[in-house]
Protein backbone atom coordinates (compact mmCIF):
# COMPACT_ATOMS: atom_id res chain seq x y z
CA MET A 1 60.25 29.44 35.03
CA SER A 2 58.05 29.99 32.03
CA ASN A 3 54.64 31.54 32.56
CA SER A 4 53.32 30.10 29.30
CA CYS A 5 49.62 29.30 29.15
CA HIS A 6 50.39 26.11 27.24
CA CYS A 7 51.22 22.81 28.93
CA ASN A 8 54.66 22.44 27.36
CA ASN A 9 57.74 20.77 28.80
CA SER A 10 59.45 23.94 29.97
CA ALA A 11 56.37 25.12 31.84
CA LEU A 12 56.07 21.80 33.66
CA SER A 13 59.72 21.22 34.59
CA TYR A 14 61.22 22.43 37.84
CA SER A 15 64.67 23.40 39.00
CA ILE A 16 65.95 22.92 42.53
CA ASP A 17 65.10 26.58 43.17
CA ASP A 18 61.42 25.72 42.69
CA ILE A 19 61.33 22.62 44.86
CA ALA A 20 63.93 22.77 47.61
CA PRO A 21 66.44 24.92 49.46
CA ASP A 22 70.20 24.42 49.10
CA GLU A 23 71.44 21.15 50.55
CA ASP A 24 73.94 18.36 50.01
CA PHE A 25 73.17 14.84 48.76
CA ASN A 26 75.03 11.94 47.20
CA THR A 27 75.44 11.92 43.42
CA LYS A 28 77.84 8.96 43.03
CA ILE A 29 76.46 6.04 41.02
CA GLN A 30 77.19 2.46 42.03
CA SER A 31 78.51 -0.06 39.50
CA LEU A 32 78.66 -3.85 39.47
CA GLY A 33 82.11 -3.80 37.90
CA GLU A 34 84.22 -2.56 35.03
CA PRO A 35 82.46 -2.55 31.63
CA LYS A 36 84.72 -4.57 29.29
CA ILE A 37 82.41 -5.65 26.47
CA SER A 38 82.15 -3.53 23.34
CA SER A 39 78.63 -2.16 23.00
CA PRO A 40 76.53 -3.56 20.12
CA LEU A 41 75.62 0.07 19.45
CA SER A 42 79.18 0.61 18.18
CA ARG A 43 78.16 -1.24 15.02
CA ASN A 44 75.90 1.64 14.12
CA ILE A 45 77.07 4.37 11.81
CA TYR A 46 76.58 7.14 14.36
CA ASN A 47 78.60 7.65 17.51
CA CYS A 48 76.57 8.91 20.45
CA PHE A 49 78.52 7.45 23.36
CA ILE A 50 78.70 9.19 26.72
CA ASP A 51 81.67 9.15 29.07
CA ASP A 52 81.20 8.82 32.85
CA SER A 53 83.12 12.05 33.29
CA GLU A 54 80.36 14.06 31.59
CA ARG A 55 78.30 15.83 34.22
CA VAL A 56 75.26 18.08 34.62
CA LEU A 57 75.30 20.69 37.38
CA VAL A 58 72.67 20.18 40.05
CA LYS A 59 72.06 23.90 40.30
CA ILE A 60 72.78 26.52 37.67
CA SER A 61 72.97 29.79 39.56
CA GLU A 62 75.37 32.19 41.22
CA LYS A 63 75.29 30.11 44.38
CA SER A 64 75.81 26.47 43.43
CA ILE A 65 75.45 23.65 45.92
CA LYS A 66 78.77 22.23 47.14
CA ASN A 67 79.46 18.90 48.82
CA PRO A 68 81.71 18.43 51.91
CA ASP A 69 84.78 18.29 49.63
CA ASN A 70 83.89 21.79 48.40
CA LYS A 71 83.12 20.45 44.93
CA ILE A 72 80.09 21.72 43.06
CA LEU A 73 77.44 19.00 42.97
CA SER A 74 76.71 17.47 39.60
CA PHE A 75 74.94 14.43 38.17
CA GLU A 76 76.39 11.81 35.88
CA VAL A 77 75.02 12.20 32.35
CA ALA A 78 72.80 9.37 31.09
CA GLY A 79 73.22 7.69 27.72
CA PRO A 80 74.94 4.78 25.96
CA ARG A 81 78.53 3.89 26.84
CA GLU A 82 81.12 2.46 24.45
CA HIS A 83 81.67 -0.54 26.70
CA ILE A 84 79.04 -2.50 28.61
CA TYR A 85 79.14 -4.86 31.58
CA PHE A 86 76.63 -7.56 30.63
CA ASP A 87 76.90 -9.97 27.70
CA PRO A 88 73.59 -9.38 25.83
CA SER A 89 73.48 -12.96 24.51
CA LYS A 90 73.39 -14.36 28.05
CA LEU A 91 71.38 -11.63 29.81
CA ARG A 92 67.90 -11.94 31.24
CA CYS A 93 66.03 -8.80 32.35
CA ALA A 94 62.89 -8.34 34.44
CA ILE A 95 60.40 -5.45 34.42
CA THR A 96 57.77 -4.68 37.04
CA THR A 97 55.36 -1.83 37.79
CA CYS A 98 54.24 -0.90 41.30
CA GLY A 99 51.88 1.55 43.00
CA GLY A 100 49.04 3.54 41.48
CA LEU A 101 48.27 3.84 37.79
CA CYS A 102 49.75 6.67 35.77
CA PRO A 103 49.63 7.66 32.08
CA GLY A 104 52.67 6.36 30.21
CA ILE A 105 53.55 3.14 32.06
CA ASN A 106 52.97 1.01 28.97
CA ASP A 107 55.07 3.43 26.93
CA VAL A 108 57.98 2.87 29.33
CA ILE A 109 57.59 -0.93 29.22
CA ARG A 110 57.46 -0.88 25.41
CA SER A 111 60.54 1.30 25.09
CA ILE A 112 62.55 -0.86 27.52
CA VAL A 113 61.69 -3.98 25.52
CA LEU A 114 62.46 -2.42 22.13
CA THR A 115 65.76 -0.91 23.28
CA LEU A 116 66.93 -4.17 24.87
CA TYR A 117 65.87 -6.25 21.88
CA TYR A 118 66.88 -4.08 18.95
CA GLY A 119 69.61 -1.95 20.51
CA TYR A 120 71.50 -4.61 22.46
CA GLY A 121 70.21 -7.91 21.15
CA VAL A 122 68.81 -9.03 24.53
CA LYS A 123 66.19 -11.70 23.79
CA SER A 124 65.17 -12.78 27.30
CA ILE A 125 62.89 -10.12 28.82
CA LEU A 126 60.35 -11.06 31.48
CA GLY A 127 57.48 -9.02 32.86
CA VAL A 128 56.59 -9.52 36.53
CA LYS A 129 52.84 -9.20 37.10
CA TYR A 130 51.18 -7.08 39.78
CA GLY A 131 54.30 -5.46 41.14
CA PHE A 132 56.25 -7.17 43.90
CA ARG A 133 53.49 -9.76 44.31
CA GLY A 134 54.67 -11.33 41.07
CA PHE A 135 57.92 -12.39 42.75
CA ILE A 136 56.22 -14.17 45.66
CA PRO A 137 55.46 -17.91 45.09
CA GLU A 138 52.22 -17.96 47.11
CA TYR A 139 50.48 -15.69 44.59
CA ASN A 140 51.26 -18.15 41.77
CA LEU A 141 51.51 -15.42 39.13
CA PRO A 142 53.15 -16.37 35.81
CA PHE A 143 55.83 -14.21 34.21
CA VAL A 144 55.16 -12.51 30.88
CA GLU A 145 57.70 -13.12 28.11
CA PHE A 146 58.16 -9.84 26.25
CA THR A 147 59.01 -9.57 22.57
CA PRO A 148 58.66 -6.62 20.18
CA GLU A 149 55.55 -8.29 18.78
CA ASN A 150 53.58 -8.42 22.02
CA VAL A 151 54.34 -4.79 22.98
CA THR A 152 53.55 -3.34 19.56
CA ARG A 153 50.39 -1.47 20.55
CA ILE A 154 50.42 -1.38 24.35
CA HIS A 155 51.31 2.32 24.35
CA GLU A 156 47.86 3.06 22.94
CA TYR A 157 46.22 2.00 26.20
CA GLY A 158 46.15 3.45 29.68
CA GLY A 159 47.16 1.60 32.82
CA THR A 160 49.85 -1.08 32.76
CA ILE A 161 49.88 -4.34 30.82
CA LEU A 162 51.60 -5.95 33.82
CA GLY A 163 49.08 -4.79 36.39
CA SER A 164 50.15 -3.24 39.66
CA SER A 165 49.68 -3.61 43.40
CA ARG A 166 50.39 -1.88 46.69
CA GLY A 167 51.71 -3.21 49.96
CA HIS A 168 54.92 -4.70 51.29
CA GLN A 169 56.33 -8.07 50.23
CA PRO A 170 59.26 -9.99 51.80
CA ILE A 171 62.48 -8.59 50.37
CA ASP A 172 64.36 -11.88 50.72
CA GLN A 173 61.68 -13.68 48.69
CA ILE A 174 61.89 -11.04 45.95
CA VAL A 175 65.65 -11.57 45.64
CA ASP A 176 65.16 -15.37 45.84
CA SER A 177 62.87 -15.06 42.83
CA LEU A 178 65.38 -12.93 40.92
CA GLU A 179 67.98 -15.63 41.54
CA ARG A 180 65.66 -18.48 40.48
CA MET A 181 64.67 -16.71 37.28
CA ASN A 182 68.31 -15.88 36.62
CA ALA A 183 67.54 -12.20 36.10
CA SER A 184 70.59 -9.94 36.22
CA VAL A 185 68.69 -6.67 35.69
CA LEU A 186 65.49 -5.45 37.33
CA PHE A 187 63.75 -2.40 35.89
CA LEU A 188 61.58 -0.94 38.63
CA ILE A 189 58.83 1.44 37.49
CA GLY A 190 57.29 3.17 40.48
CA GLY A 191 57.24 6.03 42.95
CA ASP A 192 58.75 6.89 46.30
CA GLY A 193 57.44 3.81 48.14
CA THR A 194 58.57 1.52 45.33
CA PHE A 195 62.03 3.09 45.37
CA ARG A 196 62.31 2.58 49.13
CA ALA A 197 61.61 -1.10 48.57
CA GLY A 198 64.13 -1.01 45.72
CA ALA A 199 66.81 0.30 48.07
CA LYS A 200 66.16 -2.66 50.40
CA ILE A 201 66.32 -5.06 47.45
CA VAL A 202 69.74 -3.62 46.57
CA GLU A 203 70.89 -4.17 50.16
CA GLU A 204 69.83 -7.82 49.99
CA ILE A 205 71.50 -8.24 46.59
CA GLU A 206 74.74 -6.82 47.97
CA LYS A 207 74.49 -9.02 51.08
CA ARG A 208 74.37 -12.07 48.79
CA ARG A 209 77.14 -10.65 46.59
CA LEU A 210 75.05 -11.01 43.46
CA LYS A 211 75.83 -9.25 40.21
CA THR A 212 72.32 -7.91 39.75
CA SER A 213 71.49 -4.39 38.61
CA LEU A 214 68.44 -2.43 39.77
CA ILE A 215 67.41 0.57 37.70
CA ALA A 216 64.45 2.75 38.71
CA ILE A 217 62.22 4.81 36.44
CA PRO A 218 60.28 7.52 38.35
CA LYS A 219 56.50 7.13 38.12
CA THR A 220 54.06 9.22 40.10
CA ILE A 221 51.23 11.35 38.85
CA ASP A 222 51.81 13.76 41.76
CA ASN A 223 55.30 14.68 40.49
CA ASP A 224 56.66 14.48 44.05
CA ILE A 225 59.82 12.40 43.55
CA TYR A 226 62.90 14.33 44.63
CA LEU A 227 65.62 15.26 42.12
CA VAL A 228 63.62 14.73 38.94
CA SER A 229 62.29 17.82 37.21
CA ARG A 230 59.03 16.08 36.33
CA THR A 231 57.75 12.53 36.35
CA PHE A 232 56.18 10.91 33.32
CA GLY A 233 52.40 11.14 33.18
CA PHE A 234 52.43 14.47 34.98
CA GLU A 235 51.99 16.48 31.80
CA THR A 236 49.04 14.31 30.78
CA ALA A 237 47.54 14.77 34.25
CA VAL A 238 47.83 18.55 33.95
CA GLU A 239 46.14 18.46 30.53
CA MET A 240 43.25 16.43 31.94
CA ALA A 241 43.00 18.71 34.98
CA CYS A 242 42.81 21.70 32.64
CA GLN A 243 39.84 20.15 30.85
CA SER A 244 38.02 19.76 34.17
CA ILE A 245 38.86 23.34 35.17
CA GLN A 246 37.51 24.64 31.86
CA CYS A 247 34.26 22.76 32.51
CA ALA A 248 34.09 24.13 36.07
CA HIS A 249 34.68 27.66 34.78
CA THR A 250 31.94 27.30 32.16
CA GLU A 251 29.51 26.07 34.81
CA ALA A 252 30.49 28.86 37.21
CA VAL A 253 29.97 31.74 34.76
CA GLY A 254 26.68 30.21 33.62
CA ALA A 255 24.94 30.49 36.99
CA PRO A 256 24.24 33.26 39.53
CA ASN A 257 27.17 33.36 41.93
CA GLY A 258 28.46 30.16 40.37
CA ILE A 259 31.29 28.31 42.10
CA GLY A 260 33.25 25.55 40.38
CA ILE A 261 35.34 23.24 42.59
CA VAL A 262 37.86 20.85 41.02
CA LYS A 263 39.77 18.34 43.14
CA VAL A 264 42.97 16.97 41.61
CA MET A 265 45.57 14.50 42.79
CA GLY A 266 48.45 15.56 45.00
CA ARG A 267 48.87 13.90 48.39
CA HIS A 268 51.92 15.81 49.59
CA ALA A 269 52.60 18.17 46.69
CA GLY A 270 50.36 20.48 44.70
CA PHE A 271 52.17 20.44 41.36
CA ILE A 272 49.13 19.35 39.30
CA ALA A 273 46.89 21.99 40.88
CA ALA A 274 49.49 24.74 40.54
CA ALA A 275 50.57 23.88 36.99
CA ALA A 276 46.97 23.66 35.77
CA THR A 277 46.24 26.98 37.46
CA ASN A 278 49.15 28.60 35.66
CA ALA A 279 48.20 27.02 32.35
CA LEU A 280 44.59 28.27 32.24
CA ARG A 281 44.48 31.44 34.36
CA ASP A 282 40.78 30.82 35.05
CA VAL A 283 41.36 29.72 38.66
CA ASN A 284 40.69 32.10 41.56
CA PHE A 285 41.83 29.94 44.47
CA CYS A 286 44.52 27.26 44.27
CA LEU A 287 44.79 25.17 47.45
CA ILE A 288 47.81 22.88 47.89
CA PRO A 289 49.28 20.81 50.76
CA GLU A 290 52.37 23.03 51.01
CA SER A 291 50.40 26.20 51.71
CA ASP A 292 48.19 26.18 54.80
CA PHE A 293 44.89 28.07 54.66
CA ASP A 294 42.03 29.03 57.01
CA LEU A 295 38.35 28.68 56.28
CA ASP A 296 36.92 31.29 58.63
CA GLY A 297 37.97 34.80 59.53
CA GLU A 298 38.51 37.99 57.57
CA ASN A 299 41.35 36.57 55.49
CA GLY A 300 40.05 32.98 55.31
CA LEU A 301 38.83 31.19 52.21
CA LEU A 302 35.10 31.67 52.82
CA GLU A 303 35.27 35.44 53.30
CA SER A 304 37.67 35.74 50.34
CA LEU A 305 35.28 33.69 48.21
CA LYS A 306 32.39 35.95 49.19
CA LYS A 307 34.36 39.06 48.12
CA ARG A 308 35.19 37.39 44.81
CA LEU A 309 31.52 36.62 44.12
CA GLU A 310 30.48 40.14 45.05
CA SER A 311 32.92 41.59 42.54
CA ARG A 312 32.83 39.06 39.67
CA LYS A 313 29.75 36.86 40.28
CA HIS A 314 31.63 33.60 39.77
CA ALA A 315 34.68 31.73 41.12
CA VAL A 316 36.76 28.62 40.45
CA ILE A 317 38.58 26.71 43.18
CA VAL A 318 41.21 24.05 42.46
CA VAL A 319 42.24 21.92 45.42
CA ALA A 320 44.88 19.19 45.67
CA GLU A 321 43.68 16.09 47.54
CA GLY A 322 46.24 16.52 50.33
CA ALA A 323 45.33 20.13 51.12
CA GLY A 324 43.40 21.13 54.23
CA GLN A 325 43.76 17.84 56.09
CA LYS A 326 43.97 19.82 59.35
CA PHE A 327 40.21 20.30 59.17
CA PHE A 328 39.62 16.61 59.91
CA PRO A 329 40.11 15.70 63.60
CA ASP A 330 40.83 12.02 62.84
CA SER A 331 43.06 12.68 59.83
CA GLY A 332 46.18 10.53 59.75
CA THR A 333 44.80 7.64 61.81
CA GLU A 334 44.17 5.23 58.91
CA THR A 335 46.69 3.94 56.38
CA ASP A 336 46.45 1.91 53.17
CA MET A 337 48.38 -1.24 52.21
CA SER A 338 51.43 0.86 51.37
CA GLU A 339 51.22 2.57 54.77
CA ASN A 340 50.21 5.86 53.14
CA VAL A 341 47.86 7.90 55.28
CA LYS A 342 44.29 7.69 53.97
CA LEU A 343 43.29 11.22 53.13
CA LYS A 344 39.90 12.71 53.93
CA ASP A 345 37.89 14.12 51.02
CA ILE A 346 38.80 17.81 51.07
CA GLY A 347 36.74 18.49 47.92
CA ARG A 348 33.41 17.38 49.34
CA PHE A 349 34.30 18.99 52.67
CA LEU A 350 34.82 22.36 50.98
CA LYS A 351 31.58 22.01 49.05
CA SER A 352 29.67 21.33 52.29
CA GLU A 353 31.35 24.19 54.17
CA ILE A 354 30.73 26.67 51.35
CA ILE A 355 27.04 25.72 51.13
CA SER A 356 26.68 26.09 54.90
CA TYR A 357 28.48 29.46 55.00
CA PHE A 358 26.49 31.12 52.21
CA LYS A 359 23.22 29.74 53.55
CA LYS A 360 24.08 31.32 56.90
CA ILE A 361 24.64 34.75 55.35
CA ASP A 362 21.60 34.31 53.08
CA MET A 363 23.54 34.61 49.82
CA GLU A 364 22.51 32.45 46.87
CA VAL A 365 25.27 30.35 45.28
CA THR A 366 25.38 27.55 42.71
CA ILE A 367 28.13 24.96 43.20
CA ARG A 368 29.48 22.45 40.69
CA TYR A 369 31.96 19.89 42.03
CA ILE A 370 34.25 17.88 39.72
CA ASP A 371 36.67 15.10 40.76
CA PRO A 372 38.54 13.73 37.69
CA SER A 373 41.18 11.83 39.72
CA TYR A 374 40.71 8.28 38.44
CA ILE A 375 40.03 9.43 34.88
CA VAL A 376 43.37 11.30 34.96
CA ARG A 377 45.24 8.21 36.21
CA SER A 378 43.89 5.82 33.62
CA VAL A 379 44.09 7.63 30.28
CA PRO A 380 46.83 6.98 27.67
CA ALA A 381 49.76 9.38 27.78
CA SER A 382 49.92 12.56 25.71
CA VAL A 383 52.35 12.74 22.79
CA ALA A 384 54.84 14.78 24.82
CA ASP A 385 54.67 12.29 27.70
CA ARG A 386 55.15 9.41 25.26
CA LEU A 387 58.36 10.95 23.98
CA TYR A 388 59.51 11.51 27.56
CA CYS A 389 58.69 7.91 28.53
CA ALA A 390 60.69 6.61 25.59
CA ASN A 391 63.74 8.66 26.54
CA LEU A 392 63.59 7.65 30.21
CA ALA A 393 63.29 3.97 29.28
CA GLN A 394 66.08 4.05 26.71
CA ASN A 395 68.45 5.71 29.17
CA ALA A 396 67.45 3.19 31.84
CA VAL A 397 68.51 0.37 29.49
CA HIS A 398 71.81 2.09 28.67
CA ALA A 399 72.56 2.43 32.39
CA ALA A 400 71.68 -1.20 33.14
CA MET A 401 73.79 -2.58 30.30
CA THR A 402 76.80 -0.68 31.62
CA GLY A 403 76.41 -2.39 35.00
CA LYS A 404 75.17 0.64 36.92
CA THR A 405 72.81 -0.09 39.78
CA SER A 406 70.82 1.37 42.68
CA MET A 407 69.97 4.44 40.61
CA MET A 408 67.11 6.36 39.05
CA VAL A 409 67.05 7.82 35.56
CA SER A 410 66.08 11.48 35.82
CA LEU A 411 65.57 14.59 33.74
CA TRP A 412 67.46 17.50 35.29
CA ASN A 413 68.29 20.88 33.78
CA ASP A 414 66.99 19.56 30.43
CA LYS A 415 69.48 16.66 30.46
CA TYR A 416 68.97 12.99 31.26
CA VAL A 417 71.07 12.02 34.26
CA HIS A 418 71.71 9.26 36.80
CA VAL A 419 70.60 9.84 40.41
CA PRO A 420 71.35 7.43 43.30
CA ILE A 421 68.18 5.92 44.74
CA GLU A 422 69.29 6.89 48.25
CA SER A 423 69.25 10.55 47.20
CA ALA A 424 65.92 10.26 45.35
CA ILE A 425 64.20 8.88 48.48
CA SER A 426 65.91 11.23 50.94
CA LYS A 427 62.89 13.54 50.93
CA LYS A 428 59.64 14.36 49.13
CA LYS A 429 59.64 16.96 46.39
CA GLN A 430 57.29 19.83 47.19
CA ILE A 431 56.60 23.29 45.84
CA ASN A 432 58.88 25.92 47.31
CA LEU A 433 56.50 28.70 48.39
CA ASN A 434 59.30 31.24 47.85
CA SER A 435 59.83 30.18 44.24
CA ARG A 436 58.93 32.02 41.07
CA PHE A 437 56.63 29.13 40.19
CA TRP A 438 54.36 29.60 43.20
CA LEU A 439 54.51 33.38 42.86
CA SER A 440 53.15 33.00 39.32
CA VAL A 441 50.20 31.07 40.77
CA LEU A 442 49.47 33.90 43.20
CA GLU A 443 49.79 36.44 40.40
CA SER A 444 47.38 34.43 38.26
CA THR A 445 44.72 33.86 40.92
CA GLY A 446 45.05 37.08 42.89
CA GLN A 447 44.46 35.09 46.07
CA SER A 448 45.83 36.24 49.40
CA THR A 449 47.65 34.02 51.86
CA LEU A 450 44.21 32.84 53.08
CA ARG A 451 45.68 32.89 56.58
CA ASN A 452 44.28 35.17 59.29
CA GLU A 453 47.57 35.36 61.16
CA CYS A 454 49.19 36.72 58.00
CA ALA A 455 46.52 39.30 57.30
CA VAL A 456 47.69 42.91 57.32
């Protein structure tokens, strides 16, 4: 893992060593049938076709993961195949975006449309508005007909041109709609919850014995989808978080005993907080959901913060939104439309507790609190993320045209690969606290465990 101070791809990508212990999972990709049609790409001068036998190892180390057959686990390599399953002249595709906003969604939509249209000659491409709601008749939402002309500049804007929504919709009605619109491919842009719905859609498709492909493109600003090194928009989120941290640091050093607190997104995983901490090296305490911490006591956050101020006169705290939920007695009792637990505001809680603590010990502090969450979600993607979005989308189209289904396009070990949806949703990706990545955070901040039971 690179310890670079710049937000480049290598510094923001993660191997299985960084996110999970050794374990077995399925890597076999489903197919609708044998591809028998020569790819339109074969008319091009270059030859860049991939064979299904080409693989990427899941883990590159002395101790590779093996499946029950004692074979080393590997992923199928993504890319165009010489023969495809669908006839482009008769194919209709659908695209939808679900869940929260994230930088780069429009870039993915645009690249899917351009690759279908120019690469394969597919002329019928429909956008489904507001996620799964767009399939349900009662919402009366029209489809969007995509052409290269009406996606020309959408990548310049944040958000999603299709809109998005949360919450469950009837799976049978979604598949009914796919049948009525005669769509043989559904590109699903979303996160873990969206993929879980996608797995149920595949089950219903198979029950009806339809020849319909579902291809997922991983979207979550938190970067917590399993078996993808990083999700699109994550790099942009880290860049924006770094800007907020720089502002917090400037405010902190400009006041007596100044404390800057920055809350960033990360419900179950602290990748944004940790990556931004590594990138800037101006953070003194990085608090993430994976690493429990205490407030009080000799080794707790408040006493550690006091020691920091006594020695350096300023401090910067970065906290992921899902950290410290144990401090709220009623945490976990409310859920949103997607059945995600509604988190309590750990940022404002910390600000209040810090003010109370230093007032009690009669020590003057100046606190500046910054929450850039919704700004981070809504901005256009960075150049690096745009390139990444384009590659994910192009490989999603190649997979769909070949008749592959129930899979996610992923970046793994610097290669684009195919991952079964069932494996991608088998668990949440989180930071491995024994990894080099988290150790680099501790080396950068100098923070202790912040746990009294671990104090020596």
